[in-house]
C-alpha atoms as a PDB file:
ATOM      1  CA  UNK A   1      -5.325  36.184  67.960  1.00  0.00           C
ATOM      2  CA  UNK A   2      -4.026  32.715  68.217  1.00  0.00           C
ATOM      3  CA  UNK A   3      -0.250  33.309  67.993  1.00  0.00           C
ATOM      4  CA  UNK A   4       2.339  35.915  66.964  1.00  0.00           C
ATOM      5  CA  UNK A   5       5.858  35.360  65.624  1.00  0.00           C
ATOM      6  CA  UNK A   6       8.697  37.870  64.729  1.00  0.00           C
ATOM      7  CA  UNK A   7      10.663  36.400  62.038  1.00  0.00           C
ATOM      8  CA  UNK A   8      14.241  37.753  61.860  1.00  0.00           C
ATOM      9  CA  UNK A   9      16.753  37.348  58.995  1.00  0.00           C
ATOM     10  CA  UNK A  10      20.152  38.187  60.526  1.00  0.00           C
ATOM     11  CA  UNK A  11      23.531  39.001  59.081  1.00  0.00           C
ATOM     12  CA  UNK A  12      26.698  40.408  60.399  1.00  0.00           C
ATOM     13  CA  UNK A  13      25.900  43.962  60.411  1.00  0.00           C
ATOM     14  CA  UNK A  14      22.051  44.172  60.648  1.00  0.00           C
ATOM     15  CA  UNK A  15      18.904  42.148  60.662  1.00  0.00           C
ATOM     16  CA  UNK A  16      15.455  42.391  59.091  1.00  0.00           C
ATOM     17  CA  UNK A  17      12.242  41.719  61.318  1.00  0.00           C
ATOM     18  CA  UNK A  18       8.652  41.111  60.392  1.00  0.00           C
ATOM     19  CA  UNK A  19       5.766  40.356  62.861  1.00  0.00           C
ATOM     20  CA  UNK A  20       3.243  37.890  61.628  1.00  0.00           C
ATOM     21  CA  UNK A  21      -0.126  37.314  63.589  1.00  0.00           C
ATOM     22  CA  UNK A  22      -2.422  34.359  63.118  1.00  0.00           C
ATOM     23  CA  UNK A  23      -6.053  34.817  64.024  1.00  0.00           C
ATOM     24  CA  UNK A  24      -8.540  32.275  65.375  1.00  0.00           C
ATOM     25  CA  UNK A  25      -9.820  31.743  61.844  1.00  0.00           C
ATOM     26  CA  UNK A  26      -6.192  31.142  60.766  1.00  0.00           C
ATOM     27  CA  UNK A  27      -5.811  34.269  58.708  1.00  0.00           C
ATOM     28  CA  UNK A  28      -2.444  35.781  58.573  1.00  0.00           C
ATOM     29  CA  UNK A  29      -1.471  39.452  58.788  1.00  0.00           C
ATOM     30  CA  UNK A  30       2.005  40.954  58.465  1.00  0.00           C
ATOM     31  CA  UNK A  31       3.574  44.139  59.638  1.00  0.00           C
ATOM     32  CA  UNK A  32       5.937  46.053  57.473  1.00  0.00           C
ATOM     33  CA  UNK A  33       9.585  44.929  57.579  1.00  0.00           C
ATOM     34  CA  UNK A  34      11.991  46.823  59.756  1.00  0.00           C
ATOM     35  CA  UNK A  35      15.823  46.711  59.828  1.00  0.00           C
ATOM     36  CA  UNK A  36      17.918  47.058  62.887  1.00  0.00           C
ATOM     37  CA  UNK A  37      21.647  47.024  63.535  1.00  0.00           C
ATOM     38  CA  UNK A  38      22.939  43.925  64.950  1.00  0.00           C
ATOM     39  CA  UNK A  39      24.187  45.403  68.194  1.00  0.00           C
ATOM     40  CA  UNK A  40      22.929  46.239  71.614  1.00  0.00           C
ATOM     41  CA  UNK A  41      21.257  49.510  70.474  1.00  0.00           C
ATOM     42  CA  UNK A  42      19.454  47.571  67.617  1.00  0.00           C
ATOM     43  CA  UNK A  43      18.257  44.867  69.985  1.00  0.00           C
ATOM     44  CA  UNK A  44      16.613  47.438  72.196  1.00  0.00           C
ATOM     45  CA  UNK A  45      15.085  49.086  69.190  1.00  0.00           C
ATOM     46  CA  UNK A  46      13.606  45.798  68.117  1.00  0.00           C
ATOM     47  CA  UNK A  47      11.947  45.024  71.522  1.00  0.00           C
ATOM     48  CA  UNK A  48      10.389  48.475  71.662  1.00  0.00           C
ATOM     49  CA  UNK A  49       9.151  48.108  68.099  1.00  0.00           C
ATOM     50  CA  UNK A  50       7.700  44.677  68.887  1.00  0.00           C
ATOM     51  CA  UNK A  51       6.003  45.971  71.938  1.00  0.00           C
ATOM     52  CA  UNK A  52       4.276  48.594  69.939  1.00  0.00           C
ATOM     53  CA  UNK A  53       3.070  46.398  67.056  1.00  0.00           C
ATOM     54  CA  UNK A  54       2.163  43.153  68.979  1.00  0.00           C
ATOM     55  CA  UNK A  55      -0.864  42.246  70.946  1.00  0.00           C
ATOM     56  CA  UNK A  56       0.171  41.717  74.711  1.00  0.00           C
ATOM     57  CA  UNK A  57      -2.636  39.264  75.274  1.00  0.00           C
ATOM     58  CA  UNK A  58      -1.404  36.791  72.607  1.00  0.00           C
ATOM     59  CA  UNK A  59       1.464  34.414  72.730  1.00  0.00           C
ATOM     60  CA  UNK A  60       4.603  35.909  71.137  1.00  0.00           C
ATOM     61  CA  UNK A  61       7.563  34.039  69.796  1.00  0.00           C
ATOM     62  CA  UNK A  62      10.818  35.122  67.934  1.00  0.00           C
ATOM     63  CA  UNK A  63      12.219  32.771  65.285  1.00  0.00           C
ATOM     64  CA  UNK A  64      15.545  32.935  63.287  1.00  0.00           C
ATOM     65  CA  UNK A  65      18.040  30.721  61.553  1.00  0.00           C
ATOM     66  CA  UNK A  66      21.382  29.521  63.087  1.00  0.00           C
ATOM     67  CA  UNK A  67      23.514  31.485  60.669  1.00  0.00           C
ATOM     68  CA  UNK A  68      27.155  30.864  61.853  1.00  0.00           C
ATOM     69  CA  UNK A  69      27.662  33.022  64.901  1.00  0.00           C
ATOM     70  CA  UNK A  70      25.820  36.128  63.973  1.00  0.00           C
ATOM     71  CA  UNK A  71      22.621  35.224  65.730  1.00  0.00           C
ATOM     72  CA  UNK A  72      24.205  34.576  69.159  1.00  0.00           C
ATOM     73  CA  UNK A  73      24.159  38.015  70.686  1.00  0.00           C
ATOM     74  CA  UNK A  74      20.521  38.538  69.799  1.00  0.00           C
ATOM     75  CA  UNK A  75      19.300  35.158  70.968  1.00  0.00           C
ATOM     76  CA  UNK A  76      20.955  35.697  74.323  1.00  0.00           C
ATOM     77  CA  UNK A  77      19.593  39.151  74.591  1.00  0.00           C
ATOM     78  CA  UNK A  78      16.068  38.195  73.908  1.00  0.00           C
ATOM     79  CA  UNK A  79      16.324  35.210  76.120  1.00  0.00           C
ATOM     80  CA  UNK A  80      17.708  37.530  78.942  1.00  0.00           C
ATOM     81  CA  UNK A  81      14.611  39.952  78.710  1.00  0.00           C
ATOM     82  CA  UNK A  82      12.183  36.944  79.048  1.00  0.00           C
ATOM     83  CA  UNK A  83      11.285  36.326  75.288  1.00  0.00           C
ATOM     84  CA  UNK A  84      10.577  32.847  73.707  1.00  0.00           C
ATOM     85  CA  UNK A  85      13.065  32.182  71.009  1.00  0.00           C
ATOM     86  CA  UNK A  86      13.111  29.491  68.427  1.00  0.00           C
ATOM     87  CA  UNK A  87      16.318  28.572  66.573  1.00  0.00           C
ATOM     88  CA  UNK A  88      16.062  26.584  63.533  1.00  0.00           C
ATOM     89  CA  UNK A  89      18.583  25.013  60.988  1.00  0.00           C
ATOM     90  CA  UNK A  90      18.834  26.705  57.676  1.00  0.00           C
ATOM     91  CA  UNK A  91      18.044  23.520  55.713  1.00  0.00           C
ATOM     92  CA  UNK A  92      14.477  23.273  57.787  1.00  0.00           C
ATOM     93  CA  UNK A  93      13.538  26.800  56.622  1.00  0.00           C
ATOM     94  CA  UNK A  94      14.833  26.109  53.099  1.00  0.00           C
ATOM     95  CA  UNK A  95      12.439  23.154  52.758  1.00  0.00           C
ATOM     96  CA  UNK A  96       9.595  25.376  54.152  1.00  0.00           C
ATOM     97  CA  UNK A  97      10.366  28.041  51.402  1.00  0.00           C
ATOM     98  CA  UNK A  98      10.306  25.454  48.784  1.00  0.00           C
ATOM     99  CA  UNK A  99       6.758  24.325  49.999  1.00  0.00           C
ATOM    100  CA  UNK A 100       5.452  27.791  49.496  1.00  0.00           C
ATOM    101  CA  UNK A 101       6.941  28.111  45.942  1.00  0.00           C
ATOM    102  CA  UNK A 102       9.076  31.186  47.043  1.00  0.00           C
ATOM    103  CA  UNK A 103      11.489  32.145  44.412  1.00  0.00           C
ATOM    104  CA  UNK A 104      12.500  35.713  45.516  1.00  0.00           C
ATOM    105  CA  UNK A 105      15.158  35.834  48.001  1.00  0.00           C
ATOM    106  CA  UNK A 106      15.750  39.155  49.979  1.00  0.00           C
ATOM    107  CA  UNK A 107      16.122  40.003  53.666  1.00  0.00           C
ATOM    108  CA  UNK A 108      12.535  41.328  53.908  1.00  0.00           C
ATOM    109  CA  UNK A 109      11.106  38.272  52.141  1.00  0.00           C
ATOM    110  CA  UNK A 110      13.111  35.828  54.287  1.00  0.00           C
ATOM    111  CA  UNK A 111      11.911  37.546  57.554  1.00  0.00           C
ATOM    112  CA  UNK A 112       8.405  37.467  56.354  1.00  0.00           C
ATOM    113  CA  UNK A 113       8.499  33.682  55.609  1.00  0.00           C
ATOM    114  CA  UNK A 114      10.320  32.976  58.810  1.00  0.00           C
ATOM    115  CA  UNK A 115       7.600  34.785  60.690  1.00  0.00           C
ATOM    116  CA  UNK A 116       4.917  32.768  58.838  1.00  0.00           C
ATOM    117  CA  UNK A 117       6.887  29.603  59.586  1.00  0.00           C
ATOM    118  CA  UNK A 118       6.800  30.447  63.349  1.00  0.00           C
ATOM    119  CA  UNK A 119       2.914  30.843  63.647  1.00  0.00           C
ATOM    120  CA  UNK A 120       2.134  27.954  61.513  1.00  0.00           C
ATOM    121  CA  UNK A 121       4.514  25.065  62.831  1.00  0.00           C
ATOM    122  CA  UNK A 122       5.399  24.127  66.320  1.00  0.00           C
ATOM    123  CA  UNK A 123       9.225  24.658  67.144  1.00  0.00           C
ATOM    124  CA  UNK A 124      11.364  23.751  70.088  1.00  0.00           C
ATOM    125  CA  UNK A 125      12.212  26.621  72.485  1.00  0.00           C
ATOM    126  CA  UNK A 126      15.664  27.554  72.457  1.00  0.00           C
ATOM    127  CA  UNK A 127      17.624  27.628  75.900  1.00  0.00           C
ATOM    128  CA  UNK A 128      21.028  29.099  76.306  1.00  0.00           C
ATOM    129  CA  UNK A 129      23.728  26.543  77.261  1.00  0.00           C
ATOM    130  CA  UNK A 130      25.119  26.406  80.708  1.00  0.00           C
ATOM    131  CA  UNK A 131      28.142  28.505  81.024  1.00  0.00           C
ATOM    132  CA  UNK A 132      30.581  25.637  81.560  1.00  0.00           C
ATOM    133  CA  UNK A 133      29.159  23.939  78.459  1.00  0.00           C
ATOM    134  CA  UNK A 134      29.641  27.191  76.374  1.00  0.00           C
ATOM    135  CA  UNK A 135      33.349  27.514  77.586  1.00  0.00           C
ATOM    136  CA  UNK A 136      33.924  23.861  76.874  1.00  0.00           C
ATOM    137  CA  UNK A 137      32.364  24.115  73.411  1.00  0.00           C
ATOM    138  CA  UNK A 138      34.391  27.240  72.552  1.00  0.00           C
ATOM    139  CA  UNK A 139      37.647  25.303  73.633  1.00  0.00           C
ATOM    140  CA  UNK A 140      36.702  22.143  71.719  1.00  0.00           C
ATOM    141  CA  UNK A 141      35.859  23.981  68.580  1.00  0.00           C
ATOM    142  CA  UNK A 142      39.004  26.061  68.722  1.00  0.00           C
ATOM    143  CA  UNK A 143      41.076  22.985  69.015  1.00  0.00           C
ATOM    144  CA  UNK A 144      39.305  21.424  65.972  1.00  0.00           C
ATOM    145  CA  UNK A 145      39.757  24.536  64.038  1.00  0.00           C
ATOM    146  CA  UNK A 146      43.615  24.684  64.767  1.00  0.00           C
ATOM    147  CA  UNK A 147      43.957  21.064  63.743  1.00  0.00           C
ATOM    148  CA  UNK A 148      42.300  21.823  60.650  1.00  0.00           C
ATOM    149  CA  UNK A 149      44.756  24.579  59.944  1.00  0.00           C
ATOM    150  CA  UNK A 150      47.729  22.178  60.754  1.00  0.00           C
ATOM    151  CA  UNK A 151      46.261  19.681  58.196  1.00  0.00           C
ATOM    152  CA  UNK A 152      46.187  22.389  55.612  1.00  0.00           C
ATOM    153  CA  UNK A 153      49.731  23.334  56.408  1.00  0.00           C
ATOM    154  CA  UNK A 154      50.764  19.645  56.331  1.00  0.00           C
ATOM    155  CA  UNK A 155      49.415  19.487  52.804  1.00  0.00           C
ATOM    156  CA  UNK A 156      51.240  22.397  51.721  1.00  0.00           C
ATOM    157  CA  UNK A 157      54.495  20.869  53.159  1.00  0.00           C
ATOM    158  CA  UNK A 158      53.864  17.860  51.232  1.00  0.00           C
ATOM    159  CA  UNK A 159      53.255  19.690  48.007  1.00  0.00           C
ATOM    160  CA  UNK A 160      56.429  21.755  48.410  1.00  0.00           C
ATOM    161  CA  UNK A 161      58.433  18.789  49.433  1.00  0.00           C
ATOM    162  CA  UNK A 162      57.945  17.271  46.032  1.00  0.00           C
ATOM    163  CA  UNK A 163      58.076  20.503  43.987  1.00  0.00           C
ATOM    164  CA  UNK A 164      61.098  21.633  41.897  1.00  0.00           C
ATOM    165  CA  UNK A 165      63.677  23.674  43.758  1.00  0.00           C
ATOM    166  CA  UNK A 166      61.584  25.129  46.656  1.00  0.00           C
ATOM    167  CA  UNK A 167      63.305  27.774  48.789  1.00  0.00           C
ATOM    168  CA  UNK A 168      64.382  26.387  52.122  1.00  0.00           C
ATOM    169  CA  UNK A 169      62.867  29.516  53.737  1.00  0.00           C
ATOM    170  CA  UNK A 170      59.470  28.342  52.720  1.00  0.00           C
ATOM    171  CA  UNK A 171      60.105  24.950  54.199  1.00  0.00           C
ATOM    172  CA  UNK A 172      61.338  26.461  57.469  1.00  0.00           C
ATOM    173  CA  UNK A 173      58.305  28.822  57.726  1.00  0.00           C
ATOM    174  CA  UNK A 174      56.008  25.999  57.253  1.00  0.00           C
ATOM    175  CA  UNK A 175      57.653  23.749  59.803  1.00  0.00           C
ATOM    176  CA  UNK A 176      57.556  26.786  62.271  1.00  0.00           C
ATOM    177  CA  UNK A 177      53.901  27.311  61.934  1.00  0.00           C
ATOM    178  CA  UNK A 178      53.189  23.553  62.323  1.00  0.00           C
ATOM    179  CA  UNK A 179      55.282  23.555  65.486  1.00  0.00           C
ATOM    180  CA  UNK A 180      53.539  26.538  66.782  1.00  0.00           C
ATOM    181  CA  UNK A 181      49.989  25.032  66.009  1.00  0.00           C
ATOM    182  CA  UNK A 182      51.010  21.768  67.900  1.00  0.00           C
ATOM    183  CA  UNK A 183      51.972  23.945  70.887  1.00  0.00           C
ATOM    184  CA  UNK A 184      48.766  25.792  70.884  1.00  0.00           C
ATOM    185  CA  UNK A 185      46.709  22.554  70.466  1.00  0.00           C
ATOM    186  CA  UNK A 186      48.343  21.071  73.549  1.00  0.00           C
ATOM    187  CA  UNK A 187      47.534  24.242  75.562  1.00  0.00           C
ATOM    188  CA  UNK A 188      43.874  24.055  74.466  1.00  0.00           C
ATOM    189  CA  UNK A 189      43.650  20.548  75.476  1.00  0.00           C
ATOM    190  CA  UNK A 190      45.093  21.255  78.917  1.00  0.00           C
ATOM    191  CA  UNK A 191      42.545  24.116  79.357  1.00  0.00           C
ATOM    192  CA  UNK A 192      39.591  21.851  78.500  1.00  0.00           C
ATOM    193  CA  UNK A 193      40.687  19.243  80.867  1.00  0.00           C
ATOM    194  CA  UNK A 194      41.217  21.696  83.694  1.00  0.00           C
ATOM    195  CA  UNK A 195      37.806  23.271  82.935  1.00  0.00           C
ATOM    196  CA  UNK A 196      36.108  19.870  83.251  1.00  0.00           C
ATOM    197  CA  UNK A 197      37.872  19.332  86.580  1.00  0.00           C
ATOM    198  CA  UNK A 198      36.211  22.295  88.088  1.00  0.00           C
ATOM    199  CA  UNK A 199      32.832  20.442  88.123  1.00  0.00           C
ATOM    200  CA  UNK A 200      33.151  17.099  90.185  1.00  0.00           C
ATOM    201  CA  UNK A 201      29.860  15.702  88.850  1.00  0.00           C
ATOM    202  CA  UNK A 202      30.701  16.534  85.366  1.00  0.00           C
ATOM    203  CA  UNK A 203      34.217  15.079  85.635  1.00  0.00           C
ATOM    204  CA  UNK A 204      32.977  11.842  87.035  1.00  0.00           C
ATOM    205  CA  UNK A 205      30.265  11.353  84.409  1.00  0.00           C
ATOM    206  CA  UNK A 206      32.864  11.988  81.678  1.00  0.00           C
ATOM    207  CA  UNK A 207      35.198   9.532  83.400  1.00  0.00           C
ATOM    208  CA  UNK A 208      32.543   6.818  83.288  1.00  0.00           C
ATOM    209  CA  UNK A 209      31.982   7.301  79.465  1.00  0.00           C
ATOM    210  CA  UNK A 210      35.698   7.247  78.876  1.00  0.00           C
ATOM    211  CA  UNK A 211      35.810   3.567  80.137  1.00  0.00           C
ATOM    212  CA  UNK A 212      34.822   2.879  76.377  1.00  0.00           C
ATOM    213  CA  UNK A 213      37.943   1.964  74.406  1.00  0.00           C
ATOM    214  CA  UNK A 214      38.458   4.785  71.879  1.00  0.00           C
ATOM    215  CA  UNK A 215      36.731   7.569  73.704  1.00  0.00           C
ATOM    216  CA  UNK A 216      38.906  10.069  75.482  1.00  0.00           C
ATOM    217  CA  UNK A 217      38.144  13.269  77.627  1.00  0.00           C
ATOM    218  CA  UNK A 218      38.710  15.585  74.602  1.00  0.00           C
ATOM    219  CA  UNK A 219      36.009  13.766  72.579  1.00  0.00           C
ATOM    220  CA  UNK A 220      33.512  13.302  75.296  1.00  0.00           C
ATOM    221  CA  UNK A 221      33.779  16.695  76.597  1.00  0.00           C
ATOM    222  CA  UNK A 222      33.350  18.154  73.167  1.00  0.00           C
ATOM    223  CA  UNK A 223      30.252  15.993  72.487  1.00  0.00           C
ATOM    224  CA  UNK A 224      28.626  17.095  75.869  1.00  0.00           C
ATOM    225  CA  UNK A 225      29.414  20.783  75.042  1.00  0.00           C
ATOM    226  CA  UNK A 226      27.961  20.581  71.556  1.00  0.00           C
ATOM    227  CA  UNK A 227      24.760  18.988  72.799  1.00  0.00           C
ATOM    228  CA  UNK A 228      24.359  21.121  76.017  1.00  0.00           C
ATOM    229  CA  UNK A 229      24.560  17.940  78.156  1.00  0.00           C
ATOM    230  CA  UNK A 230      22.144  16.169  75.696  1.00  0.00           C
ATOM    231  CA  UNK A 231      19.441  18.222  77.311  1.00  0.00           C
ATOM    232  CA  UNK A 232      17.209  18.739  74.334  1.00  0.00           C
ATOM    233  CA  UNK A 233      17.214  15.124  73.047  1.00  0.00           C
ATOM    234  CA  UNK A 234      14.464  12.600  74.037  1.00  0.00           C
ATOM    235  CA  UNK A 235      15.941   9.653  72.067  1.00  0.00           C
ATOM    236  CA  UNK A 236      18.925   8.622  69.988  1.00  0.00           C
ATOM    237  CA  UNK A 237      16.990   9.333  66.587  1.00  0.00           C
ATOM    238  CA  UNK A 238      16.948  12.881  67.348  1.00  0.00           C
ATOM    239  CA  UNK A 239      20.503  13.115  68.349  1.00  0.00           C
ATOM    240  CA  UNK A 240      21.486  11.238  65.234  1.00  0.00           C
ATOM    241  CA  UNK A 241      19.698  13.828  63.126  1.00  0.00           C
ATOM    242  CA  UNK A 242      21.104  16.752  64.933  1.00  0.00           C
ATOM    243  CA  UNK A 243      24.672  15.442  64.112  1.00  0.00           C
ATOM    244  CA  UNK A 244      23.906  14.646  60.440  1.00  0.00           C
ATOM    245  CA  UNK A 245      23.831  10.916  60.793  1.00  0.00           C
ATOM    246  CA  UNK A 246      20.229  10.486  59.714  1.00  0.00           C
ATOM    247  CA  UNK A 247      19.802   8.361  56.634  1.00  0.00           C
ATOM    248  CA  UNK A 248      18.690   9.735  53.336  1.00  0.00           C
ATOM    249  CA  UNK A 249      17.024   7.330  50.822  1.00  0.00           C
ATOM    250  CA  UNK A 250      16.868   8.351  47.042  1.00  0.00           C
ATOM    251  CA  UNK A 251      14.385   5.759  45.507  1.00  0.00           C
ATOM    252  CA  UNK A 252      11.227   6.194  43.333  1.00  0.00           C
ATOM    253  CA  UNK A 253       9.557   3.661  41.187  1.00  0.00           C
ATOM    254  CA  UNK A 254      11.781   1.558  39.088  1.00  0.00           C
ATOM    255  CA  UNK A 255      13.885   4.304  37.517  1.00  0.00           C
ATOM    256  CA  UNK A 256      15.407   6.071  40.521  1.00  0.00           C
ATOM    257  CA  UNK A 257      17.525   4.079  42.826  1.00  0.00           C
ATOM    258  CA  UNK A 258      20.256   6.303  44.334  1.00  0.00           C
ATOM    259  CA  UNK A 259      22.728   5.366  46.973  1.00  0.00           C
ATOM    260  CA  UNK A 260      21.800   5.504  50.566  1.00  0.00           C
ATOM    261  CA  UNK A 261      23.840   7.969  52.673  1.00  0.00           C
ATOM    262  CA  UNK A 262      23.827  10.182  55.607  1.00  0.00           C
ATOM    263  CA  UNK A 263      22.424  13.674  55.331  1.00  0.00           C
ATOM    264  CA  UNK A 264      25.307  15.664  56.844  1.00  0.00           C
ATOM    265  CA  UNK A 265      22.833  18.333  57.599  1.00  0.00           C
ATOM    266  CA  UNK A 266      23.754  18.720  61.182  1.00  0.00           C
ATOM    267  CA  UNK A 267      26.676  19.646  63.518  1.00  0.00           C
ATOM    268  CA  UNK A 268      29.782  19.133  61.763  1.00  0.00           C
ATOM    269  CA  UNK A 269      31.941  19.260  65.033  1.00  0.00           C
ATOM    270  CA  UNK A 270      30.110  16.160  66.379  1.00  0.00           C
ATOM    271  CA  UNK A 271      30.993  14.215  63.198  1.00  0.00           C
ATOM    272  CA  UNK A 272      34.675  15.470  63.378  1.00  0.00           C
ATOM    273  CA  UNK A 273      34.888  14.355  67.050  1.00  0.00           C
ATOM    274  CA  UNK A 274      33.516  10.906  66.249  1.00  0.00           C
ATOM    275  CA  UNK A 275      36.033  10.186  63.509  1.00  0.00           C
ATOM    276  CA  UNK A 276      39.148   8.952  65.118  1.00  0.00           C
ATOM    277  CA  UNK A 277      37.364   7.301  68.299  1.00  0.00           C
ATOM    278  CA  UNK A 278      35.201   5.208  65.835  1.00  0.00           C
ATOM    279  CA  UNK A 279      38.295   4.029  64.037  1.00  0.00           C
ATOM    280  CA  UNK A 280      39.769   2.929  67.404  1.00  0.00           C
ATOM    281  CA  UNK A 281      36.483   1.405  68.630  1.00  0.00           C
ATOM    282  CA  UNK A 282      36.098  -0.684  65.538  1.00  0.00           C
ATOM    283  CA  UNK A 283      39.368  -2.262  66.036  1.00  0.00           C
ATOM    284  CA  UNK A 284      39.290  -2.833  69.959  1.00  0.00           C
ATOM    285  CA  UNK A 285      35.648  -3.272  70.811  1.00  0.00           C
ATOM    286  CA  UNK A 286      33.886  -6.249  69.670  1.00  0.00           C
ATOM    287  CA  UNK A 287      30.484  -4.919  69.078  1.00  0.00           C
ATOM    288  CA  UNK A 288      31.769  -2.099  67.043  1.00  0.00           C
ATOM    289  CA  UNK A 289      34.284  -4.367  65.186  1.00  0.00           C
ATOM    290  CA  UNK A 290      31.313  -6.721  64.394  1.00  0.00           C
ATOM    291  CA  UNK A 291      29.149  -3.891  63.069  1.00  0.00           C
ATOM    292  CA  UNK A 292      31.843  -2.568  60.889  1.00  0.00           C
ATOM    293  CA  UNK A 293      32.419  -6.097  59.448  1.00  0.00           C
ATOM    294  CA  UNK A 294      28.775  -6.599  58.705  1.00  0.00           C
ATOM    295  CA  UNK A 295      28.267  -3.365  56.890  1.00  0.00           C
ATOM    296  CA  UNK A 296      31.471  -3.935  54.785  1.00  0.00           C
ATOM    297  CA  UNK A 297      30.265  -7.310  53.935  1.00  0.00           C
ATOM    298  CA  UNK A 298      26.821  -6.087  52.880  1.00  0.00           C
ATOM    299  CA  UNK A 299      27.884  -2.932  51.031  1.00  0.00           C
ATOM    300  CA  UNK A 300      31.530  -3.384  50.233  1.00  0.00           C
ATOM    301  CA  UNK A 301      31.887   0.217  51.254  1.00  0.00           C
ATOM    302  CA  UNK A 302      34.337   0.875  54.219  1.00  0.00           C
ATOM    303  CA  UNK A 303      33.439   4.479  54.675  1.00  0.00           C
ATOM    304  CA  UNK A 304      29.632   3.479  55.117  1.00  0.00           C
ATOM    305  CA  UNK A 305      30.826   1.075  57.823  1.00  0.00           C
ATOM    306  CA  UNK A 306      32.907   3.739  59.406  1.00  0.00           C
ATOM    307  CA  UNK A 307      29.661   6.164  59.462  1.00  0.00           C
ATOM    308  CA  UNK A 308      27.655   3.332  60.984  1.00  0.00           C
ATOM    309  CA  UNK A 309      30.232   2.879  63.809  1.00  0.00           C
ATOM    310  CA  UNK A 310      30.277   6.708  64.446  1.00  0.00           C
ATOM    311  CA  UNK A 311      26.545   6.769  64.752  1.00  0.00           C
ATOM    312  CA  UNK A 312      26.506   3.804  67.157  1.00  0.00           C
ATOM    313  CA  UNK A 313      29.259   5.065  69.189  1.00  0.00           C
ATOM    314  CA  UNK A 314      27.532   8.496  69.482  1.00  0.00           C
ATOM    315  CA  UNK A 315      24.400   6.914  70.674  1.00  0.00           C
ATOM    316  CA  UNK A 316      26.369   4.917  73.260  1.00  0.00           C
ATOM    317  CA  UNK A 317      27.792   8.022  74.635  1.00  0.00           C
ATOM    318  CA  UNK A 318      24.299   9.313  75.101  1.00  0.00           C
ATOM    319  CA  UNK A 319      23.018   6.215  76.734  1.00  0.00           C
ATOM    320  CA  UNK A 320      25.966   6.258  79.185  1.00  0.00           C
ATOM    321  CA  UNK A 321      25.517   9.815  79.998  1.00  0.00           C
ATOM    322  CA  UNK A 322      21.644   9.522  80.629  1.00  0.00           C
ATOM    323  CA  UNK A 323      22.258   6.437  82.774  1.00  0.00           C
ATOM    324  CA  UNK A 324      25.359   7.730  84.510  1.00  0.00           C
ATOM    325  CA  UNK A 325      27.157   4.348  84.019  1.00  0.00           C
ATOM    326  CA  UNK A 326      30.334   2.981  82.829  1.00  0.00           C
ATOM    327  CA  UNK A 327      30.684   0.831  79.750  1.00  0.00           C
ATOM    328  CA  UNK A 328      30.209  -2.832  80.212  1.00  0.00           C
ATOM    329  CA  UNK A 329      32.147  -4.787  77.666  1.00  0.00           C
ATOM    330  CA  UNK A 330      30.173  -7.962  78.053  1.00  0.00           C
ATOM    331  CA  UNK A 331      26.786  -6.173  77.615  1.00  0.00           C
ATOM    332  CA  UNK A 332      26.818  -6.822  73.975  1.00  0.00           C
ATOM    333  CA  UNK A 333      27.415 -10.577  74.318  1.00  0.00           C
ATOM    334  CA  UNK A 334      24.729 -10.814  77.110  1.00  0.00           C
ATOM    335  CA  UNK A 335      22.228  -8.924  74.772  1.00  0.00           C
ATOM    336  CA  UNK A 336      22.995 -11.548  71.995  1.00  0.00           C
ATOM    337  CA  UNK A 337      22.528 -14.429  74.318  1.00  0.00           C
ATOM    338  CA  UNK A 338      19.186 -13.079  75.625  1.00  0.00           C
ATOM    339  CA  UNK A 339      17.991 -12.522  72.092  1.00  0.00           C
ATOM    340  CA  UNK A 340      18.936 -16.141  71.184  1.00  0.00           C
ATOM    341  CA  UNK A 341      17.331 -17.599  74.259  1.00  0.00           C
ATOM    342  CA  UNK A 342      14.106 -15.611  73.454  1.00  0.00           C
ATOM    343  CA  UNK A 343      14.245 -16.891  69.850  1.00  0.00           C
ATOM    344  CA  UNK A 344      14.462 -20.445  71.110  1.00  0.00           C
ATOM    345  CA  UNK A 345      11.655 -19.961  73.536  1.00  0.00           C
ATOM    346  CA  UNK A 346       9.428 -18.463  70.865  1.00  0.00           C
ATOM    347  CA  UNK A 347      10.188 -21.398  68.493  1.00  0.00           C
ATOM    348  CA  UNK A 348       9.287 -23.892  71.237  1.00  0.00           C
ATOM    349  CA  UNK A 349       6.072 -22.046  72.055  1.00  0.00           C
ATOM    350  CA  UNK A 350       5.121 -22.140  68.342  1.00  0.00           C
ATOM    351  CA  UNK A 351       5.893 -26.057  68.171  1.00  0.00           C
ATOM    352  CA  UNK A 352       4.197 -26.827  71.414  1.00  0.00           C
ATOM    353  CA  UNK A 353       1.480 -24.352  72.012  1.00  0.00           C
ATOM    354  CA  UNK A 354      -0.010 -24.429  75.461  1.00  0.00           C
ATOM    355  CA  UNK A 355      -3.410 -26.010  75.878  1.00  0.00           C
ATOM    356  CA  UNK A 356      -6.305 -23.744  76.904  1.00  0.00           C
END
């Protein structure tokens, strides 16, 4: 055998598992599909079944989709008992399913194809986030979810305000709920800041990133938590793709020429965190203001310019985190000056080549 993979299609109550084995001649063989409960008992039954069905001398991995939060307990359990886990985005597996022309969709079929996906392709090994990053992520996401609830209530208040003869009791109830959410949001913010302060090195690195106008501790702490301290990213392109800022082109021949847009197939919490800081940075930071103006001039689409600023600001956070440095407001101007000087030098070299 060359490789073995257990494909897992998981839901709230249970999950289906199939073991796929790939031989040295690239032949694939599959086990029968088994279902287990999505709890501690089911996890133990899964490991015993895999131990019985698999070849101990061959590499074994587990692969599943990141479906909401239903996969989290199983991934932590498998990692805790020393298993290699691959966690993929649903859109990745969806495209693989299409390549195989699979039209049937059941739990057993999904588990079988995920197992095949695991032995045929190379995937990044999943590692559990550090405890402090996990706690920061939970607080940051909960704050965002509360703010979304507040926005929904504010929209309700607006509609009721302009409706005919709405009861005062409804308006009072709405204001009471908004006030309560404001209080809870402030409490979550304080807890997140207190949590960051428990790690001096983390607090100092976040402070350096916050020297960029527009970025505050809530945003930076949330970004670090969502990316597990940028641990799995080797470059900015990977980070942009993870956040859904990768560019999608729709062009083919002369008949199809769609609008260029971002994919949005990524972490929505990162995009939420970048919205307001990008608006502030595009007003108060020269390089982001210039970027916004260039994109608006070229496309006449303010929202596209805003997305460009969000992406660039996210990559700046990544760079400052990796280098553990503060933001240099003059760095952008120095970079432009160096580029102009290099262009001038190249022009002179072409005009007056050195004699050999």
